[in-house]
Amino acid sequence: QGPFSQELNEALIRQYHIEYLVTKDGGPAGGFAEKAAA
């Protein structure tokens, strides 16, 4: 359950060797900027 920081998103990307992050534009309240930055 969110919200998720950029740091947590990056940690998940590294942990699971992610190559593609799929998202909707949830706006600031939906944590989109943190996902894009990660």
PDB file of all heavy atoms in Angstrom:
ATOM      1  N   GLN A   1       0.844  -1.196   0.000  1.00  0.00           N
ATOM      2  CA  GLN A   1       0.000   0.000   0.000  1.00  0.00           C
ATOM      3  C   GLN A   1       0.879   1.245   0.000  1.00  0.00           C
ATOM      4  O   GLN A   1       1.794   1.357   0.803  1.00  0.00           O
ATOM      5  CB  GLN A   1      -0.915   0.005   1.232  1.00  0.00           C
ATOM      6  CG  GLN A   1      -1.808   1.236   1.329  1.00  0.00           C
ATOM      7  CD  GLN A   1      -2.710   1.190   2.554  1.00  0.00           C
ATOM      8  OE1 GLN A   1      -2.931   0.123   3.118  1.00  0.00           O
ATOM      9  NE2 GLN A   1      -3.214   2.335   2.965  1.00  0.00           N
ATOM     10  N   GLY A   2       0.599   2.175  -0.944  1.00  0.00           N
ATOM     11  CA  GLY A   2       1.381   3.390  -1.052  1.00  0.00           C
ATOM     12  C   GLY A   2       1.050   4.385   0.039  1.00  0.00           C
ATOM     13  O   GLY A   2       0.272   4.087   0.950  1.00  0.00           O
ATOM     14  N   PRO A   3       1.634   5.579  -0.023  1.00  0.00           N
ATOM     15  CA  PRO A   3       2.415   6.107  -1.154  1.00  0.00           C
ATOM     16  C   PRO A   3       3.834   5.529  -1.203  1.00  0.00           C
ATOM     17  O   PRO A   3       4.352   5.050  -0.199  1.00  0.00           O
ATOM     18  CB  PRO A   3       2.443   7.614  -0.875  1.00  0.00           C
ATOM     19  CG  PRO A   3       2.336   7.715   0.614  1.00  0.00           C
ATOM     20  CD  PRO A   3       1.437   6.591   1.031  1.00  0.00           C
ATOM     21  N   PHE A   4       4.438   5.593  -2.415  1.00  0.00           N
ATOM     22  CA  PHE A   4       5.761   5.037  -2.635  1.00  0.00           C
ATOM     23  C   PHE A   4       6.728   6.154  -3.012  1.00  0.00           C
ATOM     24  O   PHE A   4       6.470   6.923  -3.931  1.00  0.00           O
ATOM     25  CB  PHE A   4       5.718   4.001  -3.755  1.00  0.00           C
ATOM     26  CG  PHE A   4       4.735   2.881  -3.490  1.00  0.00           C
ATOM     27  CD1 PHE A   4       3.501   2.880  -4.114  1.00  0.00           C
ATOM     28  CD2 PHE A   4       5.051   1.862  -2.615  1.00  0.00           C
ATOM     29  CE1 PHE A   4       2.591   1.855  -3.866  1.00  0.00           C
ATOM     30  CE2 PHE A   4       4.149   0.841  -2.358  1.00  0.00           C
ATOM     31  CZ  PHE A   4       2.917   0.833  -2.984  1.00  0.00           C
ATOM     32  N   SER A   5       7.832   6.211  -2.336  1.00  0.00           N
ATOM     33  CA  SER A   5       8.852   7.214  -2.627  1.00  0.00           C
ATOM     34  C   SER A   5       9.653   6.810  -3.860  1.00  0.00           C
ATOM     35  O   SER A   5       9.615   5.650  -4.299  1.00  0.00           O
ATOM     36  CB  SER A   5       9.801   7.363  -1.436  1.00  0.00           C
ATOM     37  OG  SER A   5      10.527   6.155  -1.249  1.00  0.00           O
ATOM     38  N   GLN A   6      10.401   7.752  -4.397  1.00  0.00           N
ATOM     39  CA  GLN A   6      11.299   7.432  -5.505  1.00  0.00           C
ATOM     40  C   GLN A   6      12.306   6.368  -5.069  1.00  0.00           C
ATOM     41  O   GLN A   6      12.616   5.437  -5.829  1.00  0.00           O
ATOM     42  CB  GLN A   6      12.043   8.681  -5.975  1.00  0.00           C
ATOM     43  CG  GLN A   6      13.059   8.400  -7.089  1.00  0.00           C
ATOM     44  CD  GLN A   6      13.830   9.634  -7.533  1.00  0.00           C
ATOM     45  OE1 GLN A   6      13.364  10.754  -7.347  1.00  0.00           O
ATOM     46  NE2 GLN A   6      15.005   9.437  -8.100  1.00  0.00           N
ATOM     47  N   GLU A   7      12.791   6.483  -3.839  1.00  0.00           N
ATOM     48  CA  GLU A   7      13.791   5.540  -3.343  1.00  0.00           C
ATOM     49  C   GLU A   7      13.234   4.118  -3.285  1.00  0.00           C
ATOM     50  O   GLU A   7      13.926   3.155  -3.649  1.00  0.00           O
ATOM     51  CB  GLU A   7      14.273   5.975  -1.956  1.00  0.00           C
ATOM     52  CG  GLU A   7      15.109   7.224  -1.932  1.00  0.00           C
ATOM     53  CD  GLU A   7      14.287   8.508  -2.107  1.00  0.00           C
ATOM     54  OE1 GLU A   7      13.038   8.456  -1.948  1.00  0.00           O
ATOM     55  OE2 GLU A   7      14.889   9.547  -2.400  1.00  0.00           O
ATOM     56  N   LEU A   8      11.991   3.972  -2.842  1.00  0.00           N
ATOM     57  CA  LEU A   8      11.395   2.636  -2.774  1.00  0.00           C
ATOM     58  C   LEU A   8      11.167   2.085  -4.174  1.00  0.00           C
ATOM     59  O   LEU A   8      11.415   0.897  -4.437  1.00  0.00           O
ATOM     60  CB  LEU A   8      10.074   2.679  -2.001  1.00  0.00           C
ATOM     61  CG  LEU A   8       9.340   1.340  -1.872  1.00  0.00           C
ATOM     62  CD1 LEU A   8      10.246   0.262  -1.314  1.00  0.00           C
ATOM     63  CD2 LEU A   8       8.083   1.484  -1.022  1.00  0.00           C
ATOM     64  N   ASN A   9      10.705   2.938  -5.082  1.00  0.00           N
ATOM     65  CA  ASN A   9      10.534   2.489  -6.470  1.00  0.00           C
ATOM     66  C   ASN A   9      11.868   2.008  -7.054  1.00  0.00           C
ATOM     67  O   ASN A   9      11.931   0.967  -7.713  1.00  0.00           O
ATOM     68  CB  ASN A   9       9.973   3.625  -7.326  1.00  0.00           C
ATOM     69  CG  ASN A   9       8.496   3.866  -7.090  1.00  0.00           C
ATOM     70  OD1 ASN A   9       7.704   2.926  -7.029  1.00  0.00           O
ATOM     71  ND2 ASN A   9       8.105   5.126  -6.966  1.00  0.00           N
ATOM     72  N   GLU A  10      12.919   2.758  -6.815  1.00  0.00           N
ATOM     73  CA  GLU A  10      14.232   2.359  -7.325  1.00  0.00           C
ATOM     74  C   GLU A  10      14.692   1.041  -6.701  1.00  0.00           C
ATOM     75  O   GLU A  10      15.278   0.184  -7.380  1.00  0.00           O
ATOM     76  CB  GLU A  10      15.262   3.448  -7.036  1.00  0.00           C
ATOM     77  CG  GLU A  10      15.106   4.690  -7.884  1.00  0.00           C
ATOM     78  CD  GLU A  10      16.238   5.677  -7.664  1.00  0.00           C
ATOM     79  OE1 GLU A  10      17.410   5.231  -7.641  1.00  0.00           O
ATOM     80  OE2 GLU A  10      15.965   6.876  -7.510  1.00  0.00           O
ATOM     81  N   ALA A  11      14.401   0.869  -5.414  1.00  0.00           N
ATOM     82  CA  ALA A  11      14.804  -0.367  -4.736  1.00  0.00           C
ATOM     83  C   ALA A  11      14.099  -1.575  -5.345  1.00  0.00           C
ATOM     84  O   ALA A  11      14.714  -2.634  -5.546  1.00  0.00           O
ATOM     85  CB  ALA A  11      14.511  -0.269  -3.246  1.00  0.00           C
ATOM     86  N   LEU A  12      12.822  -1.435  -5.649  1.00  0.00           N
ATOM     87  CA  LEU A  12      12.077  -2.535  -6.272  1.00  0.00           C
ATOM     88  C   LEU A  12      12.605  -2.834  -7.672  1.00  0.00           C
ATOM     89  O   LEU A  12      12.693  -3.996  -8.076  1.00  0.00           O
ATOM     90  CB  LEU A  12      10.593  -2.182  -6.324  1.00  0.00           C
ATOM     91  CG  LEU A  12       9.858  -2.104  -4.981  1.00  0.00           C
ATOM     92  CD1 LEU A  12       8.425  -1.621  -5.186  1.00  0.00           C
ATOM     93  CD2 LEU A  12       9.868  -3.448  -4.274  1.00  0.00           C
ATOM     94  N   ILE A  13      12.945  -1.785  -8.394  1.00  0.00           N
ATOM     95  CA  ILE A  13      13.494  -1.956  -9.746  1.00  0.00           C
ATOM     96  C   ILE A  13      14.790  -2.758  -9.687  1.00  0.00           C
ATOM     97  O   ILE A  13      15.011  -3.689 -10.476  1.00  0.00           O
ATOM     98  CB  ILE A  13      13.721  -0.579 -10.406  1.00  0.00           C
ATOM     99  CG1 ILE A  13      12.368   0.069 -10.742  1.00  0.00           C
ATOM    100  CG2 ILE A  13      14.583  -0.709 -11.662  1.00  0.00           C
ATOM    101  CD1 ILE A  13      12.473   1.533 -11.141  1.00  0.00           C
ATOM    102  N   ARG A  14      15.655  -2.412  -8.728  1.00  0.00           N
ATOM    103  CA  ARG A  14      16.921  -3.135  -8.597  1.00  0.00           C
ATOM    104  C   ARG A  14      16.702  -4.571  -8.111  1.00  0.00           C
ATOM    105  O   ARG A  14      17.296  -5.520  -8.636  1.00  0.00           O
ATOM    106  CB  ARG A  14      17.850  -2.397  -7.617  1.00  0.00           C
ATOM    107  CG  ARG A  14      18.382  -1.069  -8.130  1.00  0.00           C
ATOM    108  CD  ARG A  14      19.518  -0.592  -7.240  1.00  0.00           C
ATOM    109  NE  ARG A  14      19.075  -0.431  -5.846  1.00  0.00           N
ATOM    110  CZ  ARG A  14      18.584   0.700  -5.353  1.00  0.00           C
ATOM    111  NH1 ARG A  14      18.460   1.789  -6.129  1.00  0.00           N
ATOM    112  NH2 ARG A  14      18.220   0.778  -4.088  1.00  0.00           N
ATOM    113  N   GLN A  15      15.848  -4.715  -7.105  1.00  0.00           N
ATOM    114  CA  GLN A  15      15.631  -6.027  -6.494  1.00  0.00           C
ATOM    115  C   GLN A  15      15.128  -7.055  -7.504  1.00  0.00           C
ATOM    116  O   GLN A  15      15.565  -8.215  -7.490  1.00  0.00           O
ATOM    117  CB  GLN A  15      14.616  -5.891  -5.350  1.00  0.00           C
ATOM    118  CG  GLN A  15      14.177  -7.204  -4.703  1.00  0.00           C
ATOM    119  CD  GLN A  15      15.270  -7.841  -3.870  1.00  0.00           C
ATOM    120  OE1 GLN A  15      16.173  -7.149  -3.409  1.00  0.00           O
ATOM    121  NE2 GLN A  15      15.188  -9.141  -3.685  1.00  0.00           N
ATOM    122  N   TYR A  16      14.230  -6.614  -8.388  1.00  0.00           N
ATOM    123  CA  TYR A  16      13.593  -7.557  -9.314  1.00  0.00           C
ATOM    124  C   TYR A  16      14.087  -7.405 -10.753  1.00  0.00           C
ATOM    125  O   TYR A  16      13.467  -7.935 -11.664  1.00  0.00           O
ATOM    126  CB  TYR A  16      12.075  -7.389  -9.225  1.00  0.00           C
ATOM    127  CG  TYR A  16      11.548  -7.745  -7.847  1.00  0.00           C
ATOM    128  CD1 TYR A  16      11.161  -6.746  -6.951  1.00  0.00           C
ATOM    129  CD2 TYR A  16      11.489  -9.067  -7.433  1.00  0.00           C
ATOM    130  CE1 TYR A  16      10.705  -7.064  -5.679  1.00  0.00           C
ATOM    131  CE2 TYR A  16      11.036  -9.392  -6.158  1.00  0.00           C
ATOM    132  CZ  TYR A  16      10.651  -8.385  -5.284  1.00  0.00           C
ATOM    133  OH  TYR A  16      10.213  -8.714  -4.012  1.00  0.00           O
ATOM    134  N   HIS A  17      15.185  -6.690 -10.927  1.00  0.00           N
ATOM    135  CA  HIS A  17      15.826  -6.566 -12.250  1.00  0.00           C
ATOM    136  C   HIS A  17      14.798  -6.113 -13.306  1.00  0.00           C
ATOM    137  O   HIS A  17      14.674  -6.714 -14.375  1.00  0.00           O
ATOM    138  CB  HIS A  17      16.460  -7.895 -12.662  1.00  0.00           C
ATOM    139  CG  HIS A  17      17.373  -8.472 -11.624  1.00  0.00           C
ATOM    140  ND1 HIS A  17      18.593  -7.905 -11.319  1.00  0.00           N
ATOM    141  CD2 HIS A  17      17.225  -9.538 -10.786  1.00  0.00           C
ATOM    142  CE1 HIS A  17      19.180  -8.606 -10.356  1.00  0.00           C
ATOM    143  NE2 HIS A  17      18.371  -9.597 -10.015  1.00  0.00           N
ATOM    144  N   ILE A  18      14.105  -5.033 -12.974  1.00  0.00           N
ATOM    145  CA  ILE A  18      13.041  -4.509 -13.835  1.00  0.00           C
ATOM    146  C   ILE A  18      13.647  -3.754 -15.022  1.00  0.00           C
ATOM    147  O   ILE A  18      14.609  -2.994 -14.874  1.00  0.00           O
ATOM    148  CB  ILE A  18      12.111  -3.572 -13.028  1.00  0.00           C
ATOM    149  CG1 ILE A  18      11.455  -4.326 -11.868  1.00  0.00           C
ATOM    150  CG2 ILE A  18      11.067  -2.937 -13.936  1.00  0.00           C
ATOM    151  CD1 ILE A  18      10.577  -5.489 -12.271  1.00  0.00           C
ATOM    152  N   GLU A  19      13.056  -3.970 -16.206  1.00  0.00           N
ATOM    153  CA  GLU A  19      13.461  -3.250 -17.409  1.00  0.00           C
ATOM    154  C   GLU A  19      12.383  -2.291 -17.910  1.00  0.00           C
ATOM    155  O   GLU A  19      12.678  -1.345 -18.645  1.00  0.00           O
ATOM    156  CB  GLU A  19      13.786  -4.247 -18.526  1.00  0.00           C
ATOM    157  CG  GLU A  19      14.966  -5.158 -18.230  1.00  0.00           C
ATOM    158  CD  GLU A  19      16.282  -4.401 -18.173  1.00  0.00           C
ATOM    159  OE1 GLU A  19      16.365  -3.310 -18.781  1.00  0.00           O
ATOM    160  OE2 GLU A  19      17.214  -4.888 -17.502  1.00  0.00           O
ATOM    161  N   TYR A  20      11.106  -2.529 -17.495  1.00  0.00           N
ATOM    162  CA  TYR A  20       9.999  -1.692 -17.944  1.00  0.00           C
ATOM    163  C   TYR A  20       9.070  -1.422 -16.762  1.00  0.00           C
ATOM    164  O   TYR A  20       8.683  -2.342 -16.039  1.00  0.00           O
ATOM    165  CB  TYR A  20       9.193  -2.380 -19.061  1.00  0.00           C
ATOM    166  CG  TYR A  20      10.026  -2.689 -20.278  1.00  0.00           C
ATOM    167  CD1 TYR A  20      10.696  -3.910 -20.381  1.00  0.00           C
ATOM    168  CD2 TYR A  20      10.176  -1.760 -21.307  1.00  0.00           C
ATOM    169  CE1 TYR A  20      11.488  -4.192 -21.474  1.00  0.00           C
ATOM    170  CE2 TYR A  20      10.968  -2.038 -22.404  1.00  0.00           C
ATOM    171  CZ  TYR A  20      11.627  -3.255 -22.479  1.00  0.00           C
ATOM    172  OH  TYR A  20      12.416  -3.533 -23.565  1.00  0.00           O
ATOM    173  N   LEU A  21       8.734  -0.143 -16.555  1.00  0.00           N
ATOM    174  CA  LEU A  21       7.790   0.236 -15.508  1.00  0.00           C
ATOM    175  C   LEU A  21       6.530   0.755 -16.189  1.00  0.00           C
ATOM    176  O   LEU A  21       6.576   1.748 -16.917  1.00  0.00           O
ATOM    177  CB  LEU A  21       8.396   1.310 -14.597  1.00  0.00           C
ATOM    178  CG  LEU A  21       7.649   1.630 -13.295  1.00  0.00           C
ATOM    179  CD1 LEU A  21       8.583   2.321 -12.303  1.00  0.00           C
ATOM    180  CD2 LEU A  21       6.415   2.497 -13.506  1.00  0.00           C
ATOM    181  N   VAL A  22       5.410   0.082 -15.939  1.00  0.00           N
ATOM    182  CA  VAL A  22       4.138   0.455 -16.561  1.00  0.00           C
ATOM    183  C   VAL A  22       3.292   1.187 -15.532  1.00  0.00           C
ATOM    184  O   VAL A  22       3.097   0.705 -14.407  1.00  0.00           O
ATOM    185  CB  VAL A  22       3.381  -0.788 -17.073  1.00  0.00           C
ATOM    186  CG1 VAL A  22       2.108  -0.369 -17.798  1.00  0.00           C
ATOM    187  CG2 VAL A  22       4.272  -1.615 -17.999  1.00  0.00           C
ATOM    188  N   THR A  23       2.775   2.345 -15.915  1.00  0.00           N
ATOM    189  CA  THR A  23       2.032   3.164 -14.973  1.00  0.00           C
ATOM    190  C   THR A  23       0.905   3.923 -15.657  1.00  0.00           C
ATOM    191  O   THR A  23       0.889   4.082 -16.873  1.00  0.00           O
ATOM    192  CB  THR A  23       2.971   4.171 -14.281  1.00  0.00           C
ATOM    193  OG1 THR A  23       2.222   4.946 -13.313  1.00  0.00           O
ATOM    194  CG2 THR A  23       3.580   5.141 -15.298  1.00  0.00           C
ATOM    195  N   LYS A  24      -0.031   4.371 -14.842  1.00  0.00           N
ATOM    196  CA  LYS A  24      -1.030   5.345 -15.266  1.00  0.00           C
ATOM    197  C   LYS A  24      -0.586   6.713 -14.746  1.00  0.00           C
ATOM    198  O   LYS A  24       0.277   6.809 -13.871  1.00  0.00           O
ATOM    199  CB  LYS A  24      -2.402   5.001 -14.688  1.00  0.00           C
ATOM    200  CG  LYS A  24      -2.977   3.682 -15.179  1.00  0.00           C
ATOM    201  CD  LYS A  24      -4.294   3.379 -14.476  1.00  0.00           C
ATOM    202  CE  LYS A  24      -4.889   2.068 -14.957  1.00  0.00           C
ATOM    203  NZ  LYS A  24      -6.138   1.715 -14.237  1.00  0.00           N
ATOM    204  N   ASP A  25      -1.196   7.770 -15.276  1.00  0.00           N
ATOM    205  CA  ASP A  25      -0.919   9.111 -14.769  1.00  0.00           C
ATOM    206  C   ASP A  25      -1.859   9.380 -13.605  1.00  0.00           C
ATOM    207  O   ASP A  25      -2.949   9.909 -13.776  1.00  0.00           O
ATOM    208  CB  ASP A  25      -1.113  10.165 -15.871  1.00  0.00           C
ATOM    209  CG  ASP A  25      -0.957  11.580 -15.327  1.00  0.00           C
ATOM    210  OD1 ASP A  25      -0.467  11.735 -14.189  1.00  0.00           O
ATOM    211  OD2 ASP A  25      -1.348  12.524 -16.039  1.00  0.00           O
ATOM    212  N   GLY A  26      -1.423   8.977 -12.423  1.00  0.00           N
ATOM    213  CA  GLY A  26      -2.225   9.212 -11.229  1.00  0.00           C
ATOM    214  C   GLY A  26      -2.035  10.597 -10.654  1.00  0.00           C
ATOM    215  O   GLY A  26      -2.613  10.912  -9.609  1.00  0.00           O
ATOM    216  N   GLY A  27      -1.232  11.438 -11.320  1.00  0.00           N
ATOM    217  CA  GLY A  27      -1.003  12.788 -10.828  1.00  0.00           C
ATOM    218  C   GLY A  27      -0.138  12.790  -9.578  1.00  0.00           C
ATOM    219  O   GLY A  27       0.344  11.746  -9.124  1.00  0.00           O
ATOM    220  N   PRO A  28       0.055  13.964  -8.972  1.00  0.00           N
ATOM    221  CA  PRO A  28       0.880  14.059  -7.761  1.00  0.00           C
ATOM    222  C   PRO A  28       0.388  13.157  -6.633  1.00  0.00           C
ATOM    223  O   PRO A  28       1.191  12.521  -5.949  1.00  0.00           O
ATOM    224  CB  PRO A  28       0.765  15.545  -7.379  1.00  0.00           C
ATOM    225  CG  PRO A  28       0.484  16.244  -8.674  1.00  0.00           C
ATOM    226  CD  PRO A  28      -0.390  15.293  -9.452  1.00  0.00           C
ATOM    227  N   ALA A  29      -0.931  13.083  -6.456  1.00  0.00           N
ATOM    228  CA  ALA A  29      -1.472  12.259  -5.370  1.00  0.00           C
ATOM    229  C   ALA A  29      -1.261  10.779  -5.620  1.00  0.00           C
ATOM    230  O   ALA A  29      -1.230   9.980  -4.679  1.00  0.00           O
ATOM    231  CB  ALA A  29      -2.965  12.545  -5.199  1.00  0.00           C
ATOM    232  N   GLY A  30      -1.107  10.389  -6.884  1.00  0.00           N
ATOM    233  CA  GLY A  30      -0.920   8.988  -7.227  1.00  0.00           C
ATOM    234  C   GLY A  30       0.530   8.563  -7.336  1.00  0.00           C
ATOM    235  O   GLY A  30       0.820   7.421  -7.723  1.00  0.00           O
ATOM    236  N   GLY A  31       1.451   9.464  -7.023  1.00  0.00           N
ATOM    237  CA  GLY A  31       2.862   9.107  -7.017  1.00  0.00           C
ATOM    238  C   GLY A  31       3.493   8.968  -8.393  1.00  0.00           C
ATOM    239  O   GLY A  31       4.524   8.308  -8.541  1.00  0.00           O
ATOM    240  N   PHE A  32       2.902   9.622  -9.408  1.00  0.00           N
ATOM    241  CA  PHE A  32       3.445   9.465 -10.763  1.00  0.00           C
ATOM    242  C   PHE A  32       4.853  10.025 -10.871  1.00  0.00           C
ATOM    243  O   PHE A  32       5.739   9.396 -11.480  1.00  0.00           O
ATOM    244  CB  PHE A  32       2.539  10.152 -11.785  1.00  0.00           C
ATOM    245  CG  PHE A  32       3.076  10.088 -13.185  1.00  0.00           C
ATOM    246  CD1 PHE A  32       2.929   8.943 -13.950  1.00  0.00           C
ATOM    247  CD2 PHE A  32       3.748  11.171 -13.746  1.00  0.00           C
ATOM    248  CE1 PHE A  32       3.439   8.864 -15.237  1.00  0.00           C
ATOM    249  CE2 PHE A  32       4.258  11.106 -15.031  1.00  0.00           C
ATOM    250  CZ  PHE A  32       4.102   9.954 -15.779  1.00  0.00           C
ATOM    251  N   ALA A  33       5.107  11.175 -10.304  1.00  0.00           N
ATOM    252  CA  ALA A  33       6.427  11.804 -10.417  1.00  0.00           C
ATOM    253  C   ALA A  33       7.508  10.916  -9.817  1.00  0.00           C
ATOM    254  O   ALA A  33       8.618  10.806 -10.373  1.00  0.00           O
ATOM    255  CB  ALA A  33       6.419  13.165  -9.717  1.00  0.00           C
ATOM    256  N   GLU A  34       7.209  10.266  -8.701  1.00  0.00           N
ATOM    257  CA  GLU A  34       8.184   9.392  -8.056  1.00  0.00           C
ATOM    258  C   GLU A  34       8.497   8.170  -8.921  1.00  0.00           C
ATOM    259  O   GLU A  34       9.644   7.716  -8.975  1.00  0.00           O
ATOM    260  CB  GLU A  34       7.663   8.953  -6.680  1.00  0.00           C
ATOM    261  CG  GLU A  34       7.647  10.044  -5.628  1.00  0.00           C
ATOM    262  CD  GLU A  34       6.471  11.010  -5.763  1.00  0.00           C
ATOM    263  OE1 GLU A  34       5.587  10.779  -6.626  1.00  0.00           O
ATOM    264  OE2 GLU A  34       6.416  11.990  -4.997  1.00  0.00           O
ATOM    265  N   LYS A  35       7.479   7.641  -9.590  1.00  0.00           N
ATOM    266  CA  LYS A  35       7.715   6.499 -10.479  1.00  0.00           C
ATOM    267  C   LYS A  35       8.538   6.910 -11.700  1.00  0.00           C
ATOM    268  O   LYS A  35       9.474   6.206 -12.104  1.00  0.00           O
ATOM    269  CB  LYS A  35       6.370   5.893 -10.902  1.00  0.00           C
ATOM    270  CG  LYS A  35       5.678   5.122  -9.792  1.00  0.00           C
ATOM    271  CD  LYS A  35       4.412   4.443 -10.264  1.00  0.00           C
ATOM    272  CE  LYS A  35       3.242   5.361 -10.304  1.00  0.00           C
ATOM    273  NZ  LYS A  35       1.955   4.643 -10.542  1.00  0.00           N
ATOM    274  N   ALA A  36       8.179   8.043 -12.288  1.00  0.00           N
ATOM    275  CA  ALA A  36       8.908   8.515 -13.464  1.00  0.00           C
ATOM    276  C   ALA A  36      10.362   8.814 -13.123  1.00  0.00           C
ATOM    277  O   ALA A  36      11.277   8.476 -13.895  1.00  0.00           O
ATOM    278  CB  ALA A  36       8.230   9.758 -14.033  1.00  0.00           C
ATOM    279  N   ALA A  37      10.581   9.429 -11.977  1.00  0.00           N
ATOM    280  CA  ALA A  37      11.945   9.762 -11.570  1.00  0.00           C
ATOM    281  C   ALA A  37      12.749   8.495 -11.302  1.00  0.00           C
ATOM    282  O   ALA A  37      13.947   8.424 -11.626  1.00  0.00           O
ATOM    283  CB  ALA A  37      11.927  10.648 -10.328  1.00  0.00           C
ATOM    284  N   ALA A  38      12.112   7.492 -10.717  1.00  0.00           N
ATOM    285  CA  ALA A  38      12.811   6.242 -10.427  1.00  0.00           C
ATOM    286  C   ALA A  38      13.203   5.531 -11.716  1.00  0.00           C
ATOM    287  O   ALA A  38      14.317   4.998 -11.834  1.00  0.00           O
ATOM    288  CB  ALA A  38      11.925   5.342  -9.568  1.00  0.00           C
TER     289      ALA A  38
END
